[in-house]
């Protein structure tokens, strides 16, 4: 294991930067008091208007970890934060998923004395945020289609990642070797730790990102038949419910969070923690205390019905979420919107296999409930359209219910339930 790295002495902020953080912090608090959100964006927006290079100034002198990918960013960020804070050290983090520049500014401003920061970063903005923060570590989880009207085609994102990481030679990359696009993006980084974290969703990685030829797969291994591109040799492995570390020692990946996807997030978190001298037992003990992440997996009661909230934003996310649903006859409420943070295009619904919902009570809501209803009808899934969570509970008349929603629909459900986290 690596020795614990002592935190550097952080330089003070210039006067205008201190003013920007003070005014931004006040705006964030006002937003929370007014019930308009958690204040994790507006404070950063105002701070950046007053001091455009505020993120660079706030990150200066800190050991920064950036976490990016299509799925699992918020959960992995939470797990890494828990692991690095296991010995009581303060760690700055954007715990509620505000993952663009304003959100990062707010997170750092709220923890001015934290020598370490773990920050979730939007895939599109990762290169710019890496340059601004001078991050010591970047964790790359996966790449698949999501919000293509905003984030563009994923091969373009991979090329941008590759260029940014090649330029940041002082940065240590923790990369999921099972995702060919991630492996290619990290291939020219100065220092990489490869993790076999898994990739169940293959529909966005059939072709070699290096030469465009068809990728071949042999179990967990992938390789190109036309060029030298292949899965790198890994140091960390997720094998079922066990984590195998670089010394070939096996550890139980026991989490309170459900599903294989979260075990995948956990092995990435353990690899990051190891860089900072945190042992696997110490880190895993901290990870086991994480039970809910920004509302995900929260248990709440509504009109006598026990609800569990699950987030699914894209086909890869739905694949994992459908795996952890309570078995029939527990009813499921599906909620889909198509606002800016969701992506305006709902054609991705046709890449999800909803046939697994046959034979159980299914209710549908959200601003794009008609789109979802058409999709379910094509998969011969019986359903009922409802106006919201309360109507769903009243119709189901069940002791418990699973609620699966995409991003803004999820936030609407949380608002109705009082934002239990």
Protein backbone atom coordinates (compact mmCIF):
# COMPACT_ATOMS: atom_id res chain seq x y z
CA UNK A 1 0.00 0.00 0.00
CA UNK A 2 1.06 3.56 -0.58
CA UNK A 3 1.93 5.69 2.46
CA UNK A 4 -0.62 8.31 3.42
CA UNK A 5 0.24 11.51 1.56
CA UNK A 6 0.35 14.54 3.88
CA UNK A 7 -1.92 17.37 2.76
CA UNK A 8 -0.13 20.34 1.21
CA UNK A 9 -0.31 23.80 2.71
CA UNK A 10 -3.01 25.66 0.83
CA UNK A 11 -2.39 29.25 -0.30
CA UNK A 12 -4.88 31.92 0.68
CA UNK A 13 -7.46 33.27 -1.76
CA UNK A 14 -7.16 36.73 -3.32
CA UNK A 15 -9.59 39.34 -2.02
CA UNK A 16 -11.91 39.22 -5.05
CA UNK A 17 -12.07 35.41 -4.84
CA UNK A 18 -12.97 35.59 -1.14
CA UNK A 19 -15.71 38.07 -1.99
CA UNK A 20 -16.99 35.78 -4.76
CA UNK A 21 -17.19 32.77 -2.44
CA UNK A 22 -18.91 34.81 0.28
CA UNK A 23 -21.57 36.18 -2.06
CA UNK A 24 -22.03 32.81 -3.77
CA UNK A 25 -22.36 31.03 -0.44
CA UNK A 26 -25.03 33.51 0.67
CA UNK A 27 -26.95 32.89 -2.56
CA UNK A 28 -26.78 29.14 -2.01
CA UNK A 29 -28.10 29.46 1.53
CA UNK A 30 -30.92 31.71 0.34
CA UNK A 31 -31.84 29.14 -2.31
CA UNK A 32 -32.05 26.39 0.31
CA UNK A 33 -34.11 28.50 2.69
CA UNK A 34 -36.51 29.41 -0.13
CA UNK A 35 -36.98 25.73 -0.95
CA UNK A 36 -35.70 26.20 -4.52
CA UNK A 37 -33.06 23.50 -4.31
CA UNK A 38 -29.98 22.55 -2.33
CA UNK A 39 -28.03 25.61 -3.45
CA UNK A 40 -25.26 23.53 -5.02
CA UNK A 41 -25.38 25.40 -8.35
CA UNK A 42 -26.55 28.98 -7.86
CA UNK A 43 -23.72 29.83 -5.44
CA UNK A 44 -21.14 28.67 -7.97
CA UNK A 45 -22.83 30.52 -10.82
CA UNK A 46 -22.68 33.81 -8.95
CA UNK A 47 -19.14 33.19 -7.73
CA UNK A 48 -17.92 32.54 -11.28
CA UNK A 49 -19.55 35.72 -12.54
CA UNK A 50 -17.61 37.68 -9.97
CA UNK A 51 -14.37 35.73 -10.46
CA UNK A 52 -14.22 33.64 -13.69
CA UNK A 53 -11.12 31.68 -12.58
CA UNK A 54 -12.59 30.89 -9.16
CA UNK A 55 -12.48 27.11 -9.66
CA UNK A 56 -8.74 27.16 -10.33
CA UNK A 57 -8.15 29.30 -7.23
CA UNK A 58 -10.32 27.14 -4.98
CA UNK A 59 -8.65 23.91 -6.20
CA UNK A 60 -5.11 25.26 -5.76
CA UNK A 61 -3.17 23.38 -3.09
CA UNK A 62 -5.74 20.59 -2.74
CA UNK A 63 -5.42 16.96 -3.72
CA UNK A 64 -8.33 16.64 -6.15
CA UNK A 65 -9.98 13.46 -7.42
CA UNK A 66 -12.30 13.75 -10.42
CA UNK A 67 -14.87 11.02 -11.12
CA UNK A 68 -16.50 10.79 -14.52
CA UNK A 69 -18.44 8.36 -16.72
CA UNK A 70 -21.94 7.83 -18.03
CA UNK A 71 -23.26 5.81 -15.09
CA UNK A 72 -22.27 5.62 -11.43
CA UNK A 73 -20.57 9.01 -11.01
CA UNK A 74 -22.56 10.19 -8.01
CA UNK A 75 -22.37 6.85 -6.19
CA UNK A 76 -18.66 6.36 -6.87
CA UNK A 77 -17.95 9.92 -5.73
CA UNK A 78 -19.82 9.25 -2.51
CA UNK A 79 -17.93 5.98 -1.94
CA UNK A 80 -14.51 7.53 -2.58
CA UNK A 81 -15.36 10.43 -0.28
CA UNK A 82 -16.33 7.98 2.46
CA UNK A 83 -13.12 5.99 2.01
CA UNK A 84 -10.81 9.03 2.03
CA UNK A 85 -12.60 10.46 5.05
CA UNK A 86 -12.38 7.19 6.98
CA UNK A 87 -9.76 8.59 9.36
CA UNK A 88 -11.76 11.74 10.05
CA UNK A 89 -10.12 13.94 7.42
CA UNK A 90 -12.44 16.52 5.86
CA UNK A 91 -13.09 15.89 2.15
CA UNK A 92 -14.83 18.44 -0.08
CA UNK A 93 -17.35 16.89 -2.48
CA UNK A 94 -20.34 17.74 -4.66
CA UNK A 95 -22.44 15.07 -2.98
CA UNK A 96 -25.71 15.94 -4.76
CA UNK A 97 -24.39 15.53 -8.29
CA UNK A 98 -23.98 19.16 -9.41
CA UNK A 99 -21.17 18.15 -11.74
CA UNK A 100 -20.40 21.14 -13.96
CA UNK A 101 -18.13 24.06 -13.16
CA UNK A 102 -20.59 25.92 -10.92
CA UNK A 103 -21.28 22.79 -8.87
CA UNK A 104 -17.56 22.15 -8.38
CA UNK A 105 -17.03 25.74 -7.27
CA UNK A 106 -19.86 25.47 -4.73
CA UNK A 107 -18.47 22.21 -3.34
CA UNK A 108 -14.98 23.61 -2.84
CA UNK A 109 -16.26 26.90 -1.43
CA UNK A 110 -18.34 25.08 1.19
CA UNK A 111 -15.23 23.30 2.49
CA UNK A 112 -12.45 25.92 2.42
CA UNK A 113 -10.25 24.00 4.90
CA UNK A 114 -10.49 20.59 3.21
CA UNK A 115 -7.12 19.56 1.80
CA UNK A 116 -8.76 16.85 -0.30
CA UNK A 117 -11.66 17.00 -2.76
CA UNK A 118 -13.59 14.29 -4.59
CA UNK A 119 -15.63 15.81 -7.39
CA UNK A 120 -18.08 14.24 -9.79
CA UNK A 121 -17.62 15.71 -13.27
CA UNK A 122 -19.89 15.63 -16.29
CA UNK A 123 -18.39 13.57 -19.13
CA UNK A 124 -18.46 16.46 -21.59
CA UNK A 125 -16.76 18.87 -19.20
CA UNK A 126 -14.08 16.55 -17.81
CA UNK A 127 -11.19 17.90 -19.96
CA UNK A 128 -11.85 21.51 -18.95
CA UNK A 129 -12.33 20.59 -15.28
CA UNK A 130 -9.13 18.55 -15.28
CA UNK A 131 -7.19 21.53 -16.57
CA UNK A 132 -8.83 23.94 -14.12
CA UNK A 133 -8.37 21.81 -11.00
CA UNK A 134 -5.01 20.19 -11.77
CA UNK A 135 -6.48 16.97 -10.40
CA UNK A 136 -4.13 14.39 -8.94
CA UNK A 137 -6.44 11.48 -9.81
CA UNK A 138 -9.15 10.90 -12.41
CA UNK A 139 -11.46 7.87 -12.18
CA UNK A 140 -13.00 6.78 -15.51
CA UNK A 141 -16.04 4.53 -15.07
CA UNK A 142 -17.69 3.91 -18.46
CA UNK A 143 -18.99 5.52 -21.65
CA UNK A 144 -22.35 4.85 -23.26
CA UNK A 145 -25.07 6.87 -25.01
CA UNK A 146 -26.70 9.48 -22.80
CA UNK A 147 -28.14 12.94 -23.55
CA UNK A 148 -26.73 12.89 -27.08
CA UNK A 149 -28.49 16.15 -27.93
CA UNK A 150 -26.19 17.80 -25.36
CA UNK A 151 -23.11 15.62 -24.83
CA UNK A 152 -22.59 14.51 -28.46
CA UNK A 153 -21.42 11.14 -29.72
CA UNK A 154 -19.46 9.06 -27.22
CA UNK A 155 -16.51 8.38 -29.52
CA UNK A 156 -16.02 12.15 -29.69
CA UNK A 157 -16.04 12.26 -25.88
CA UNK A 158 -13.47 9.45 -25.77
CA UNK A 159 -11.18 11.37 -28.12
CA UNK A 160 -11.43 14.47 -25.95
CA UNK A 161 -10.70 12.45 -22.82
CA UNK A 162 -7.69 10.84 -24.50
CA UNK A 163 -6.19 14.20 -25.48
CA UNK A 164 -6.82 15.74 -22.05
CA UNK A 165 -5.31 12.80 -20.15
CA UNK A 166 -2.30 12.61 -22.45
CA UNK A 167 -1.61 16.29 -21.69
CA UNK A 168 -2.03 15.88 -17.91
CA UNK A 169 1.06 13.74 -17.34
CA UNK A 170 1.10 14.38 -13.60
CA UNK A 171 -2.36 12.89 -13.20
CA UNK A 172 -2.92 9.27 -12.12
CA UNK A 173 -5.85 7.63 -13.92
CA UNK A 174 -7.98 4.84 -12.44
CA UNK A 175 -9.71 3.30 -15.46
CA UNK A 176 -12.25 0.56 -16.05
CA UNK A 177 -10.38 -1.77 -18.41
CA UNK A 178 -13.56 -3.67 -19.28
CA UNK A 179 -14.92 -0.71 -21.24
CA UNK A 180 -13.04 -0.47 -24.58
CA UNK A 181 -13.77 3.25 -25.00
CA UNK A 182 -12.52 4.03 -21.50
CA UNK A 183 -9.42 1.90 -22.00
CA UNK A 184 -8.62 3.69 -25.26
CA UNK A 185 -9.23 7.11 -23.71
CA UNK A 186 -6.81 6.34 -20.87
CA UNK A 187 -4.25 4.66 -23.12
CA UNK A 188 -1.90 7.64 -23.41
CA UNK A 189 -2.12 8.85 -19.80
CA UNK A 190 1.16 9.04 -17.91
CA UNK A 191 0.12 6.65 -15.14
CA UNK A 192 -2.85 4.28 -15.20
CA UNK A 193 -4.21 1.74 -12.74
CA UNK A 194 -6.44 -0.68 -14.61
CA UNK A 195 -9.51 -2.08 -12.89
CA UNK A 196 -11.69 -4.98 -14.04
CA UNK A 197 -14.91 -3.32 -12.89
CA UNK A 198 -17.15 -4.97 -15.49
CA UNK A 199 -19.26 -3.79 -18.40
CA UNK A 200 -22.58 -5.53 -18.95
CA UNK A 201 -23.82 -3.05 -21.55
CA UNK A 202 -21.98 -3.81 -24.82
CA UNK A 203 -24.19 -2.08 -27.38
CA UNK A 204 -21.97 1.01 -27.49
CA UNK A 205 -18.66 -0.82 -27.78
CA UNK A 206 -18.85 -3.21 -30.71
CA UNK A 207 -16.16 -1.42 -32.71
CA UNK A 208 -12.50 -0.75 -31.98
CA UNK A 209 -12.00 2.93 -31.06
CA UNK A 210 -8.48 2.75 -32.47
CA UNK A 211 -9.12 1.42 -35.99
CA UNK A 212 -12.90 1.02 -36.32
CA UNK A 213 -12.86 -2.76 -36.83
CA UNK A 214 -15.17 -5.17 -35.04
CA UNK A 215 -14.18 -5.94 -31.45
CA UNK A 216 -14.10 -9.56 -30.37
CA UNK A 217 -14.92 -10.80 -26.89
CA UNK A 218 -13.81 -13.85 -24.96
CA UNK A 219 -15.54 -13.73 -21.61
CA UNK A 220 -14.40 -10.56 -19.87
CA UNK A 221 -11.58 -10.01 -22.35
CA UNK A 222 -11.97 -7.95 -25.53
CA UNK A 223 -9.58 -7.41 -28.39
CA UNK A 224 -9.45 -6.14 -31.95
CA UNK A 225 -8.70 -8.63 -34.71
CA UNK A 226 -7.18 -5.97 -36.96
CA UNK A 227 -4.90 -3.92 -34.70
CA UNK A 228 -3.05 -4.20 -31.38
CA UNK A 229 -5.87 -2.76 -29.27
CA UNK A 230 -6.94 -5.09 -26.48
CA UNK A 231 -7.99 -5.14 -22.84
CA UNK A 232 -5.06 -4.07 -20.63
CA UNK A 233 -3.70 -6.25 -17.84
CA UNK A 234 -5.57 -5.33 -14.68
CA UNK A 235 -4.47 -4.69 -11.09
CA UNK A 236 -7.87 -4.71 -9.36
CA UNK A 237 -10.63 -7.20 -10.13
CA UNK A 238 -14.28 -7.45 -9.20
CA UNK A 239 -15.06 -11.18 -9.22
CA UNK A 240 -18.67 -11.77 -8.23
CA UNK A 241 -18.96 -10.50 -4.67
CA UNK A 242 -15.20 -10.45 -4.11
CA UNK A 243 -12.58 -7.77 -4.76
CA UNK A 244 -9.08 -8.95 -5.67
CA UNK A 245 -6.38 -6.37 -4.97
CA UNK A 246 -3.00 -5.94 -6.74
CA UNK A 247 -1.37 -8.33 -4.23
CA UNK A 248 -3.88 -11.03 -5.28
CA UNK A 249 -5.68 -10.88 -1.95
CA UNK A 250 -9.44 -11.39 -1.97
CA UNK A 251 -11.84 -9.22 0.03
CA UNK A 252 -15.63 -9.47 0.36
CA UNK A 253 -17.35 -6.59 -1.45
CA UNK A 254 -20.08 -6.30 1.13
CA UNK A 255 -22.12 -3.14 0.63
CA UNK A 256 -25.43 -1.88 1.89
CA UNK A 257 -26.08 -0.55 -1.63
CA UNK A 258 -27.70 -3.15 -3.92
CA UNK A 259 -26.58 -4.71 -7.18
CA UNK A 260 -23.50 -5.54 -9.19
CA UNK A 261 -23.21 -1.99 -10.52
CA UNK A 262 -22.53 -0.70 -7.02
CA UNK A 263 -19.93 -3.39 -6.39
CA UNK A 264 -18.31 -2.12 -9.59
CA UNK A 265 -18.40 1.41 -8.21
CA UNK A 266 -16.89 0.12 -4.97
CA UNK A 267 -13.86 -1.53 -6.58
CA UNK A 268 -13.13 1.72 -8.40
CA UNK A 269 -13.36 3.54 -5.06
CA UNK A 270 -11.00 1.06 -3.41
CA UNK A 271 -8.43 1.55 -6.17
CA UNK A 272 -8.56 5.32 -5.66
CA UNK A 273 -8.32 4.98 -1.88
CA UNK A 274 -5.24 2.78 -2.25
CA UNK A 275 -3.42 5.64 -3.99
CA UNK A 276 -3.91 7.71 -0.85
CA UNK A 277 -2.66 4.98 1.49
CA UNK A 278 -6.08 3.81 2.70
CA UNK A 279 -6.10 0.04 3.26
CA UNK A 280 -8.86 -2.13 1.82
CA UNK A 281 -10.30 -3.08 5.26
CA UNK A 282 -10.34 0.55 6.37
CA UNK A 283 -11.90 1.74 3.12
CA UNK A 284 -14.44 -1.08 2.94
CA UNK A 285 -15.59 -0.38 6.49
CA UNK A 286 -16.37 3.18 5.40
CA UNK A 287 -18.09 2.05 2.19
CA UNK A 288 -20.42 -0.24 4.11
CA UNK A 289 -21.93 2.76 5.90
CA UNK A 290 -23.15 4.33 2.64
CA UNK A 291 -26.84 3.46 2.33
CA UNK A 292 -28.30 6.19 0.15
CA UNK A 293 -26.74 8.46 -2.48
CA UNK A 294 -28.51 11.76 -3.28
CA UNK A 295 -31.85 10.02 -2.83
CA UNK A 296 -30.95 6.86 -4.75
CA UNK A 297 -32.06 3.70 -2.90
CA UNK A 298 -33.87 5.82 -0.31
CA UNK A 299 -36.73 4.13 1.52
CA UNK A 300 -39.71 6.38 2.12
CA UNK A 301 -43.33 5.94 3.19
CA UNK A 302 -46.27 7.49 1.35
CA UNK A 303 -49.89 6.87 2.34
CA UNK A 304 -48.93 3.65 4.09
CA UNK A 305 -46.88 2.33 1.16
CA UNK A 306 -43.13 1.69 1.52
CA UNK A 307 -41.35 3.17 -1.50
CA UNK A 308 -37.82 2.56 -2.74
CA UNK A 309 -36.42 5.19 -5.11
CA UNK A 310 -34.22 4.06 -8.01
CA UNK A 311 -32.58 6.21 -10.69
CA UNK A 312 -32.24 4.99 -14.31
CA UNK A 313 -31.18 7.57 -16.90
CA UNK A 314 -30.20 5.58 -19.99
CA UNK A 315 -30.23 2.02 -21.39
CA UNK A 316 -27.11 0.93 -19.47
CA UNK A 317 -28.62 2.25 -16.24
CA UNK A 318 -31.96 0.54 -16.86
CA UNK A 319 -30.18 -2.77 -17.43
CA UNK A 320 -28.69 -2.63 -13.95
CA UNK A 321 -31.82 -1.22 -12.28
CA UNK A 322 -34.15 -3.92 -13.60
CA UNK A 323 -31.83 -6.47 -11.99
CA UNK A 324 -32.36 -5.17 -8.46
CA UNK A 325 -36.14 -4.75 -8.46
CA UNK A 326 -38.02 -6.55 -5.74
CA UNK A 327 -39.67 -9.67 -7.20
CA UNK A 328 -43.35 -9.74 -8.28
CA UNK A 329 -45.98 -9.03 -7.19
CA UNK A 330 -44.38 -5.83 -5.88
CA UNK A 331 -45.64 -3.06 -8.22
CA UNK A 332 -43.30 -0.76 -10.14
CA UNK A 333 -43.85 2.90 -10.97
CA UNK A 334 -41.87 4.13 -13.99
CA UNK A 335 -41.41 7.89 -14.49
CA UNK A 336 -39.76 9.50 -17.53
CA UNK A 337 -39.22 13.16 -18.40
CA UNK A 338 -37.29 14.72 -21.29
CA UNK A 339 -36.08 18.02 -19.90
CA UNK A 340 -32.63 19.49 -20.51
CA UNK A 341 -30.80 17.42 -17.85
CA UNK A 342 -32.48 14.25 -19.16
CA UNK A 343 -31.88 14.85 -22.86
CA UNK A 344 -34.78 15.85 -25.09
CA UNK A 345 -34.71 12.68 -27.18
CA UNK A 346 -36.54 9.66 -25.74
CA UNK A 347 -35.66 7.23 -28.54
CA UNK A 348 -33.28 5.51 -26.09
CA UNK A 349 -36.35 3.88 -24.51
CA UNK A 350 -36.34 1.46 -27.44
CA UNK A 351 -32.93 0.12 -26.40
CA UNK A 352 -34.27 -1.04 -23.02
CA UNK A 353 -35.69 -4.55 -22.71
CA UNK A 354 -38.88 -4.01 -20.71
CA UNK A 355 -40.15 -7.57 -21.23
CA UNK A 356 -38.75 -8.38 -17.81
CA UNK A 357 -41.63 -6.37 -16.31
CA UNK A 358 -44.28 -8.71 -17.67
CA UNK A 359 -46.52 -10.34 -15.10
CA UNK A 360 -46.29 -7.65 -12.43
CA UNK A 361 -48.24 -4.43 -11.76
CA UNK A 362 -46.66 -1.55 -13.72
CA UNK A 363 -47.67 2.09 -13.50
CA UNK A 364 -46.39 4.86 -15.77
CA UNK A 365 -46.05 8.59 -15.12
CA UNK A 366 -43.87 11.56 -16.02
CA UNK A 367 -43.98 14.23 -18.70
CA UNK A 368 -43.17 11.65 -21.38
CA UNK A 369 -45.43 8.92 -20.06
CA UNK A 370 -47.02 8.49 -23.48
CA UNK A 371 -43.63 7.69 -25.05
CA UNK A 372 -42.97 5.16 -22.31
CA UNK A 373 -46.47 3.69 -22.64
CA UNK A 374 -45.97 3.08 -26.37
CA UNK A 375 -42.65 1.38 -25.61
CA UNK A 376 -44.20 -0.89 -22.97
CA UNK A 377 -47.08 -1.76 -25.27
CA UNK A 378 -44.59 -2.88 -27.93
CA UNK A 379 -42.99 -5.21 -25.36
CA UNK A 380 -46.45 -6.49 -24.33
CA UNK A 381 -46.13 -5.19 -20.79
CA UNK A 382 -49.47 -4.42 -19.14
CA UNK A 383 -49.53 -1.00 -17.46
CA UNK A 384 -51.67 1.84 -16.19
CA UNK A 385 -50.95 5.53 -16.77
CA UNK A 386 -51.15 7.70 -13.63
CA UNK A 387 -50.77 11.38 -12.88
CA UNK A 388 -48.14 11.03 -10.17
CA UNK A 389 -46.82 9.18 -7.15
CA UNK A 390 -49.96 9.57 -5.01
CA UNK A 391 -52.29 8.24 -7.70
CA UNK A 392 -49.90 5.32 -8.22
CA UNK A 393 -49.94 4.46 -4.51
CA UNK A 394 -53.73 4.68 -4.35
CA UNK A 395 -54.20 2.45 -7.41
CA UNK A 396 -51.60 -0.15 -6.42
CA UNK A 397 -52.92 -0.65 -2.88
CA UNK A 398 -49.71 -2.47 -2.03
CA UNK A 399 -47.53 -2.59 1.06
CA UNK A 400 -44.47 -1.61 -0.98
CA UNK A 401 -43.56 -0.22 -4.40
CA UNK A 402 -40.43 0.26 -6.50
CA UNK A 403 -40.12 3.71 -8.10
CA UNK A 404 -37.81 3.95 -11.15
CA UNK A 405 -37.30 7.40 -12.67
CA UNK A 406 -34.90 9.27 -14.90
CA UNK A 407 -33.14 12.37 -13.63
CA UNK A 408 -35.69 15.21 -13.46
CA UNK A 409 -38.57 12.82 -12.83
CA UNK A 410 -36.56 11.42 -9.91
CA UNK A 411 -36.06 14.91 -8.50
CA UNK A 412 -39.79 15.60 -8.81
CA UNK A 413 -40.57 12.46 -6.83
CA UNK A 414 -38.05 13.46 -4.19
CA UNK A 415 -39.65 16.91 -3.93
CA UNK A 416 -43.07 15.34 -3.35
CA UNK A 417 -41.61 13.11 -0.65
CA UNK A 418 -39.76 15.94 1.03
CA UNK A 419 -36.29 15.25 -0.46
CA UNK A 420 -35.44 12.46 1.97
CA UNK A 421 -31.76 11.58 1.43
